[in-house]
Amino acid sequence: MGPVLTEHLDTQAKIIRQAFIDRNKEDWDEFGKEVDAFMTPMSPSTKAKPGSWDEGMNYIKGKHIDRLVEKGMKAKEEAEKRSQLEGRGSSAGGGRGGGRYSMTEFEKVAAKGFGMTEEEWMKNKTPSERGEEEEIF
């Protein structure tokens, strides 16, 4: 019975591993080798258990948390930059009465650091910084 059970668990582990890879392609491309190395000494029953590969990935990602946080912050900053550019572009020509410009997370933190409200921060920005047309005269 032992060899049959071992073969079944090995097959089940391969199926679960492949399903995990298919669901987590991006993470697997980045951390797959480390997850495989982490899971190698595990028992066949552990590898065949649903969720084991998820837990292995979580462990490996935890070892790289600083890099993942930095990557997330960069992606957030890029998204905010795109959002600002899109927001400013849509209000161009609108003059006063256009849409309200929203502050970035950085601006909110900076305003709080200076003890300013969001309204005070916005009041001290130039019209072009708020996404409005500047009146020359």
N, C-alpha and C. Protein backbone atom coordinates (compact mmCIF):
# COMPACT_ATOMS: atom_id res chain seq x y z
N MET A 1 0.83 -1.20 0.00
CA MET A 1 0.00 0.00 0.00
C MET A 1 0.87 1.26 0.00
N GLY A 2 2.04 1.21 0.64
CA GLY A 2 2.92 2.36 0.74
C GLY A 2 3.32 2.96 -0.60
N PRO A 3 3.79 2.15 -1.54
CA PRO A 3 4.19 2.71 -2.84
C PRO A 3 3.01 3.34 -3.60
N VAL A 4 1.84 2.76 -3.47
CA VAL A 4 0.66 3.30 -4.14
C VAL A 4 0.30 4.67 -3.55
N LEU A 5 0.34 4.77 -2.22
CA LEU A 5 0.04 6.03 -1.55
C LEU A 5 1.07 7.09 -1.91
N THR A 6 2.35 6.72 -1.93
CA THR A 6 3.41 7.66 -2.29
C THR A 6 3.22 8.17 -3.71
N GLU A 7 2.91 7.28 -4.62
CA GLU A 7 2.69 7.68 -6.01
C GLU A 7 1.48 8.62 -6.12
N HIS A 8 0.42 8.30 -5.40
CA HIS A 8 -0.77 9.15 -5.41
C HIS A 8 -0.45 10.55 -4.88
N LEU A 9 0.27 10.62 -3.76
CA LEU A 9 0.63 11.92 -3.18
C LEU A 9 1.55 12.71 -4.12
N ASP A 10 2.49 12.05 -4.76
CA ASP A 10 3.37 12.73 -5.70
C ASP A 10 2.58 13.32 -6.88
N THR A 11 1.64 12.54 -7.38
CA THR A 11 0.80 13.02 -8.49
C THR A 11 -0.06 14.19 -8.03
N GLN A 12 -0.66 14.04 -6.87
CA GLN A 12 -1.50 15.12 -6.32
C GLN A 12 -0.67 16.38 -6.10
N ALA A 13 0.55 16.24 -5.57
CA ALA A 13 1.43 17.38 -5.32
C ALA A 13 1.78 18.09 -6.64
N LYS A 14 2.03 17.34 -7.68
CA LYS A 14 2.35 17.94 -8.98
C LYS A 14 1.15 18.71 -9.53
N ILE A 15 -0.04 18.16 -9.38
CA ILE A 15 -1.25 18.83 -9.85
C ILE A 15 -1.48 20.13 -9.08
N ILE A 16 -1.35 20.06 -7.77
CA ILE A 16 -1.57 21.25 -6.93
C ILE A 16 -0.50 22.30 -7.21
N ARG A 17 0.75 21.87 -7.38
CA ARG A 17 1.84 22.81 -7.70
C ARG A 17 1.55 23.53 -9.01
N GLN A 18 1.15 22.79 -10.04
CA GLN A 18 0.89 23.41 -11.34
C GLN A 18 -0.30 24.35 -11.29
N ALA A 19 -1.33 23.97 -10.56
CA ALA A 19 -2.50 24.86 -10.41
C ALA A 19 -2.09 26.14 -9.70
N PHE A 20 -1.22 26.01 -8.69
CA PHE A 20 -0.73 27.19 -7.98
C PHE A 20 0.07 28.09 -8.92
N ILE A 21 0.93 27.50 -9.71
CA ILE A 21 1.73 28.28 -10.67
C ILE A 21 0.83 29.02 -11.65
N ASP A 22 -0.19 28.33 -12.15
CA ASP A 22 -1.12 28.95 -13.11
C ASP A 22 -1.85 30.14 -12.50
N ARG A 23 -2.20 30.05 -11.22
CA ARG A 23 -2.92 31.13 -10.54
C ARG A 23 -2.01 32.29 -10.14
N ASN A 24 -0.72 32.02 -10.01
CA ASN A 24 0.22 33.02 -9.47
C ASN A 24 1.41 33.20 -10.41
N LYS A 25 1.14 33.35 -11.69
CA LYS A 25 2.19 33.39 -12.71
C LYS A 25 3.24 34.47 -12.44
N GLU A 26 2.79 35.69 -12.13
CA GLU A 26 3.73 36.79 -11.94
C GLU A 26 4.63 36.53 -10.72
N ASP A 27 4.04 36.14 -9.61
CA ASP A 27 4.83 35.84 -8.42
C ASP A 27 5.76 34.65 -8.66
N TRP A 28 5.25 33.65 -9.38
CA TRP A 28 6.06 32.47 -9.64
C TRP A 28 7.29 32.83 -10.48
N ASP A 29 7.11 33.70 -11.46
CA ASP A 29 8.25 34.11 -12.29
C ASP A 29 9.35 34.74 -11.43
N GLU A 30 8.94 35.46 -10.40
CA GLU A 30 9.89 36.16 -9.55
C GLU A 30 10.45 35.28 -8.42
N PHE A 31 9.61 34.45 -7.82
CA PHE A 31 10.01 33.71 -6.62
C PHE A 31 9.94 32.19 -6.76
N GLY A 32 9.60 31.68 -7.92
CA GLY A 32 9.37 30.25 -8.10
C GLY A 32 10.52 29.36 -7.69
N LYS A 33 11.74 29.73 -8.06
CA LYS A 33 12.89 28.89 -7.72
C LYS A 33 13.06 28.79 -6.20
N GLU A 34 12.85 29.90 -5.51
CA GLU A 34 12.97 29.89 -4.05
C GLU A 34 11.86 29.06 -3.41
N VAL A 35 10.65 29.16 -3.96
CA VAL A 35 9.53 28.38 -3.41
C VAL A 35 9.79 26.90 -3.61
N ASP A 36 10.25 26.52 -4.81
CA ASP A 36 10.58 25.11 -5.05
C ASP A 36 11.65 24.62 -4.08
N ALA A 37 12.69 25.44 -3.86
CA ALA A 37 13.75 25.05 -2.93
C ALA A 37 13.20 24.91 -1.50
N PHE A 38 12.29 25.80 -1.13
CA PHE A 38 11.68 25.74 0.19
C PHE A 38 10.80 24.49 0.35
N MET A 39 10.07 24.14 -0.69
CA MET A 39 9.13 23.03 -0.61
C MET A 39 9.79 21.66 -0.82
N THR A 40 10.99 21.61 -1.37
CA THR A 40 11.66 20.34 -1.67
C THR A 40 11.75 19.41 -0.46
N PRO A 41 12.19 19.87 0.71
CA PRO A 41 12.30 18.93 1.83
C PRO A 41 10.96 18.57 2.49
N MET A 42 9.89 19.18 2.08
CA MET A 42 8.58 18.89 2.69
C MET A 42 8.13 17.48 2.32
N SER A 43 7.31 16.91 3.15
CA SER A 43 6.80 15.56 2.91
C SER A 43 5.83 15.59 1.73
N PRO A 44 5.66 14.45 1.07
CA PRO A 44 4.71 14.38 -0.03
C PRO A 44 3.29 14.77 0.39
N SER A 45 2.90 14.43 1.60
CA SER A 45 1.54 14.77 2.04
C SER A 45 1.40 16.29 2.22
N THR A 46 2.46 16.95 2.65
CA THR A 46 2.43 18.41 2.79
C THR A 46 2.34 19.06 1.42
N LYS A 47 3.14 18.60 0.48
CA LYS A 47 3.13 19.17 -0.88
C LYS A 47 1.78 18.94 -1.57
N ALA A 48 1.09 17.85 -1.22
CA ALA A 48 -0.18 17.52 -1.85
C ALA A 48 -1.36 18.23 -1.19
N LYS A 49 -1.11 18.90 -0.08
CA LYS A 49 -2.19 19.55 0.66
C LYS A 49 -2.52 20.91 0.02
N PRO A 50 -3.80 21.15 -0.27
CA PRO A 50 -4.19 22.46 -0.81
C PRO A 50 -3.77 23.57 0.15
N GLY A 51 -3.17 24.63 -0.38
CA GLY A 51 -2.74 25.75 0.43
C GLY A 51 -1.28 25.71 0.82
N SER A 52 -0.63 24.55 0.71
CA SER A 52 0.78 24.45 1.09
C SER A 52 1.67 25.32 0.21
N TRP A 53 1.39 25.33 -1.07
CA TRP A 53 2.21 26.14 -1.98
C TRP A 53 1.96 27.62 -1.75
N ASP A 54 0.73 27.97 -1.39
CA ASP A 54 0.43 29.37 -1.04
C ASP A 54 1.24 29.79 0.18
N GLU A 55 1.28 28.92 1.18
CA GLU A 55 2.03 29.22 2.40
C GLU A 55 3.53 29.31 2.11
N GLY A 56 4.01 28.45 1.24
CA GLY A 56 5.43 28.53 0.85
C GLY A 56 5.74 29.85 0.17
N MET A 57 4.86 30.28 -0.73
CA MET A 57 5.05 31.57 -1.42
C MET A 57 5.01 32.71 -0.41
N ASN A 58 4.06 32.66 0.53
CA ASN A 58 3.98 33.71 1.54
C ASN A 58 5.26 33.79 2.36
N TYR A 59 5.82 32.66 2.71
CA TYR A 59 7.06 32.64 3.48
C TYR A 59 8.20 33.28 2.69
N ILE A 60 8.33 32.90 1.44
CA ILE A 60 9.41 33.44 0.59
C ILE A 60 9.20 34.93 0.36
N LYS A 61 7.97 35.35 0.10
CA LYS A 61 7.71 36.78 -0.09
C LYS A 61 8.00 37.57 1.18
N GLY A 62 7.77 36.95 2.33
CA GLY A 62 8.09 37.60 3.60
C GLY A 62 9.58 37.88 3.74
N LYS A 63 10.40 37.02 3.15
CA LYS A 63 11.84 37.24 3.19
C LYS A 63 12.26 38.42 2.31
N HIS A 64 11.39 38.81 1.41
CA HIS A 64 11.69 39.91 0.47
C HIS A 64 10.76 41.10 0.68
N ILE A 65 10.25 41.26 1.88
CA ILE A 65 9.22 42.27 2.13
C ILE A 65 9.71 43.68 1.81
N ASP A 66 10.96 44.00 2.13
CA ASP A 66 11.47 45.34 1.84
C ASP A 66 11.41 45.65 0.35
N ARG A 67 11.83 44.71 -0.46
CA ARG A 67 11.82 44.91 -1.91
C ARG A 67 10.39 45.01 -2.44
N LEU A 68 9.48 44.20 -1.89
CA LEU A 68 8.10 44.24 -2.33
C LEU A 68 7.42 45.55 -1.95
N VAL A 69 7.72 46.06 -0.76
CA VAL A 69 7.15 47.34 -0.34
C VAL A 69 7.68 48.45 -1.23
N GLU A 70 8.97 48.44 -1.51
CA GLU A 70 9.56 49.46 -2.38
C GLU A 70 8.94 49.41 -3.78
N LYS A 71 8.76 48.21 -4.28
CA LYS A 71 8.13 48.03 -5.60
C LYS A 71 6.70 48.56 -5.60
N GLY A 72 5.97 48.29 -4.52
CA GLY A 72 4.59 48.77 -4.40
C GLY A 72 4.53 50.28 -4.32
N MET A 73 5.46 50.88 -3.58
CA MET A 73 5.48 52.34 -3.46
C MET A 73 5.79 52.99 -4.80
N LYS A 74 6.72 52.41 -5.55
CA LYS A 74 7.04 52.96 -6.87
C LYS A 74 5.83 52.88 -7.80
N ALA A 75 5.13 51.76 -7.76
CA ALA A 75 3.94 51.60 -8.60
C ALA A 75 2.87 52.60 -8.20
N LYS A 76 2.71 52.84 -6.90
CA LYS A 76 1.72 53.80 -6.42
C LYS A 76 2.09 55.21 -6.86
N GLU A 77 3.37 55.56 -6.75
CA GLU A 77 3.82 56.89 -7.17
C GLU A 77 3.57 57.10 -8.66
N GLU A 78 3.87 56.08 -9.46
CA GLU A 78 3.64 56.18 -10.90
C GLU A 78 2.16 56.36 -11.20
N ALA A 79 1.32 55.62 -10.49
CA ALA A 79 -0.13 55.74 -10.69
C ALA A 79 -0.61 57.14 -10.31
N GLU A 80 -0.06 57.70 -9.22
CA GLU A 80 -0.45 59.05 -8.81
C GLU A 80 0.01 60.08 -9.84
N LYS A 81 1.21 59.89 -10.39
CA LYS A 81 1.70 60.81 -11.41
C LYS A 81 0.79 60.78 -12.64
N ARG A 82 0.43 59.57 -13.06
CA ARG A 82 -0.47 59.46 -14.22
C ARG A 82 -1.82 60.10 -13.90
N SER A 83 -2.30 59.88 -12.70
CA SER A 83 -3.58 60.45 -12.29
C SER A 83 -3.52 61.97 -12.29
N GLN A 84 -2.43 62.52 -11.79
CA GLN A 84 -2.28 63.97 -11.77
C GLN A 84 -2.24 64.54 -13.18
N LEU A 85 -1.49 63.89 -14.05
CA LEU A 85 -1.39 64.38 -15.42
C LEU A 85 -2.74 64.32 -16.12
N GLU A 86 -3.46 63.23 -15.90
CA GLU A 86 -4.79 63.11 -16.52
C GLU A 86 -5.74 64.14 -15.94
N GLY A 87 -5.68 64.35 -14.63
CA GLY A 87 -6.56 65.32 -13.97
C GLY A 87 -6.26 66.73 -14.43
N ARG A 88 -5.00 67.08 -14.54
CA ARG A 88 -4.63 68.42 -14.99
C ARG A 88 -4.99 68.64 -16.44
N GLY A 89 -4.79 67.61 -17.25
CA GLY A 89 -5.10 67.75 -18.66
C GLY A 89 -6.59 67.96 -18.89
N SER A 90 -7.41 67.32 -18.09
CA SER A 90 -8.85 67.45 -18.30
C SER A 90 -9.38 68.78 -17.81
N SER A 91 -8.66 69.44 -16.89
CA SER A 91 -9.17 70.71 -16.41
C SER A 91 -8.60 71.89 -17.19
N ALA A 92 -7.64 71.62 -18.07
CA ALA A 92 -7.08 72.71 -18.86
C ALA A 92 -8.17 73.31 -19.72
N GLY A 93 -8.25 74.62 -19.71
CA GLY A 93 -9.28 75.30 -20.49
C GLY A 93 -10.55 75.46 -19.72
N GLY A 94 -10.66 74.76 -18.60
CA GLY A 94 -11.87 74.84 -17.80
C GLY A 94 -11.88 76.08 -16.93
N GLY A 95 -10.68 76.60 -16.65
CA GLY A 95 -10.58 77.79 -15.81
C GLY A 95 -11.15 77.52 -14.44
N ARG A 96 -11.64 78.55 -13.79
CA ARG A 96 -12.23 78.37 -12.47
C ARG A 96 -13.55 77.64 -12.62
N GLY A 97 -13.90 76.95 -11.60
CA GLY A 97 -15.15 76.21 -11.68
C GLY A 97 -14.94 74.83 -12.28
N GLY A 98 -13.68 74.50 -12.68
CA GLY A 98 -13.39 73.17 -13.18
C GLY A 98 -13.40 72.19 -12.03
N GLY A 99 -13.00 70.95 -12.28
CA GLY A 99 -12.99 69.95 -11.23
C GLY A 99 -11.96 70.26 -10.16
N ARG A 100 -12.25 69.84 -8.95
CA ARG A 100 -11.35 70.07 -7.83
C ARG A 100 -10.14 69.15 -7.97
N TYR A 101 -8.98 69.71 -7.80
CA TYR A 101 -7.74 68.95 -7.86
C TYR A 101 -7.57 68.20 -6.55
N SER A 102 -7.26 66.93 -6.61
CA SER A 102 -7.09 66.16 -5.38
C SER A 102 -5.61 66.08 -5.03
N MET A 103 -5.34 66.06 -3.75
CA MET A 103 -3.97 66.01 -3.27
C MET A 103 -3.42 64.59 -3.37
N THR A 104 -2.12 64.49 -3.61
CA THR A 104 -1.47 63.18 -3.59
C THR A 104 -1.26 62.78 -2.14
N GLU A 105 -0.97 61.51 -1.94
CA GLU A 105 -0.70 61.03 -0.58
C GLU A 105 0.50 61.77 0.01
N PHE A 106 1.51 62.02 -0.81
CA PHE A 106 2.69 62.74 -0.34
C PHE A 106 2.30 64.14 0.12
N GLU A 107 1.46 64.82 -0.65
CA GLU A 107 1.03 66.17 -0.28
C GLU A 107 0.24 66.15 1.03
N LYS A 108 -0.58 65.14 1.20
CA LYS A 108 -1.36 65.04 2.44
C LYS A 108 -0.45 64.85 3.65
N VAL A 109 0.57 64.01 3.50
CA VAL A 109 1.51 63.77 4.59
C VAL A 109 2.31 65.04 4.87
N ALA A 110 2.74 65.72 3.79
CA ALA A 110 3.52 66.95 3.96
C ALA A 110 2.68 68.02 4.65
N ALA A 111 1.44 68.18 4.23
CA ALA A 111 0.55 69.18 4.84
C ALA A 111 0.37 68.87 6.33
N LYS A 112 0.16 67.62 6.64
CA LYS A 112 -0.01 67.22 8.04
C LYS A 112 1.26 67.51 8.83
N GLY A 113 2.41 67.25 8.21
CA GLY A 113 3.69 67.50 8.86
C GLY A 113 3.90 68.98 9.17
N PHE A 114 3.36 69.84 8.33
CA PHE A 114 3.46 71.28 8.55
C PHE A 114 2.30 71.81 9.38
N GLY A 115 1.42 70.93 9.81
CA GLY A 115 0.28 71.34 10.62
C GLY A 115 -0.76 72.10 9.82
N MET A 116 -0.88 71.79 8.54
CA MET A 116 -1.82 72.49 7.67
C MET A 116 -2.99 71.57 7.33
N THR A 117 -4.15 72.18 7.08
CA THR A 117 -5.28 71.41 6.57
C THR A 117 -5.10 71.27 5.07
N GLU A 118 -5.88 70.38 4.46
CA GLU A 118 -5.80 70.22 3.01
C GLU A 118 -6.18 71.52 2.31
N GLU A 119 -7.18 72.22 2.85
CA GLU A 119 -7.61 73.48 2.24
C GLU A 119 -6.49 74.52 2.28
N GLU A 120 -5.78 74.60 3.41
CA GLU A 120 -4.67 75.54 3.53
C GLU A 120 -3.56 75.20 2.54
N TRP A 121 -3.28 73.91 2.41
CA TRP A 121 -2.25 73.47 1.47
C TRP A 121 -2.62 73.87 0.05
N MET A 122 -3.87 73.60 -0.32
CA MET A 122 -4.32 73.91 -1.69
C MET A 122 -4.34 75.41 -1.94
N LYS A 123 -4.69 76.19 -0.92
CA LYS A 123 -4.75 77.64 -1.05
C LYS A 123 -3.37 78.21 -1.38
N ASN A 124 -2.32 77.57 -0.88
CA ASN A 124 -0.96 78.06 -1.07
C ASN A 124 -0.31 77.56 -2.35
N LYS A 125 -1.01 76.74 -3.10
CA LYS A 125 -0.48 76.28 -4.39
C LYS A 125 -0.84 77.29 -5.47
N THR A 126 -0.03 77.32 -6.50
CA THR A 126 -0.34 78.20 -7.63
C THR A 126 -1.50 77.59 -8.40
N PRO A 127 -2.20 78.40 -9.18
CA PRO A 127 -3.30 77.85 -9.97
C PRO A 127 -2.86 76.71 -10.88
N SER A 128 -1.68 76.82 -11.47
CA SER A 128 -1.23 75.74 -12.36
C SER A 128 -0.93 74.47 -11.57
N GLU A 129 -0.45 74.60 -10.33
CA GLU A 129 -0.22 73.43 -9.49
C GLU A 129 -1.54 72.78 -9.09
N ARG A 130 -2.61 73.55 -9.04
CA ARG A 130 -3.93 73.01 -8.72
C ARG A 130 -4.62 72.48 -9.97
N GLY A 131 -3.99 72.63 -11.14
CA GLY A 131 -4.59 72.15 -12.38
C GLY A 131 -5.52 73.16 -13.02
N GLU A 132 -5.38 74.43 -12.66
CA GLU A 132 -6.22 75.48 -13.20
C GLU A 132 -5.40 76.37 -14.14
N GLU A 133 -6.08 77.06 -15.00
CA GLU A 133 -5.38 78.02 -15.85
C GLU A 133 -5.02 79.24 -15.03
N GLU A 134 -3.81 79.73 -15.24
CA GLU A 134 -3.36 80.91 -14.52
C GLU A 134 -3.76 82.15 -15.31
N GLU A 135 -4.34 83.11 -14.61
CA GLU A 135 -4.68 84.36 -15.27
C GLU A 135 -3.46 85.26 -15.25
N ILE A 136 -3.06 85.73 -16.42
CA ILE A 136 -1.85 86.53 -16.53
C ILE A 136 -2.12 87.97 -16.06
N PHE A 137 -3.25 88.52 -16.37
CA PHE A 137 -3.57 89.89 -15.97
C PHE A 137 -4.80 89.93 -15.14
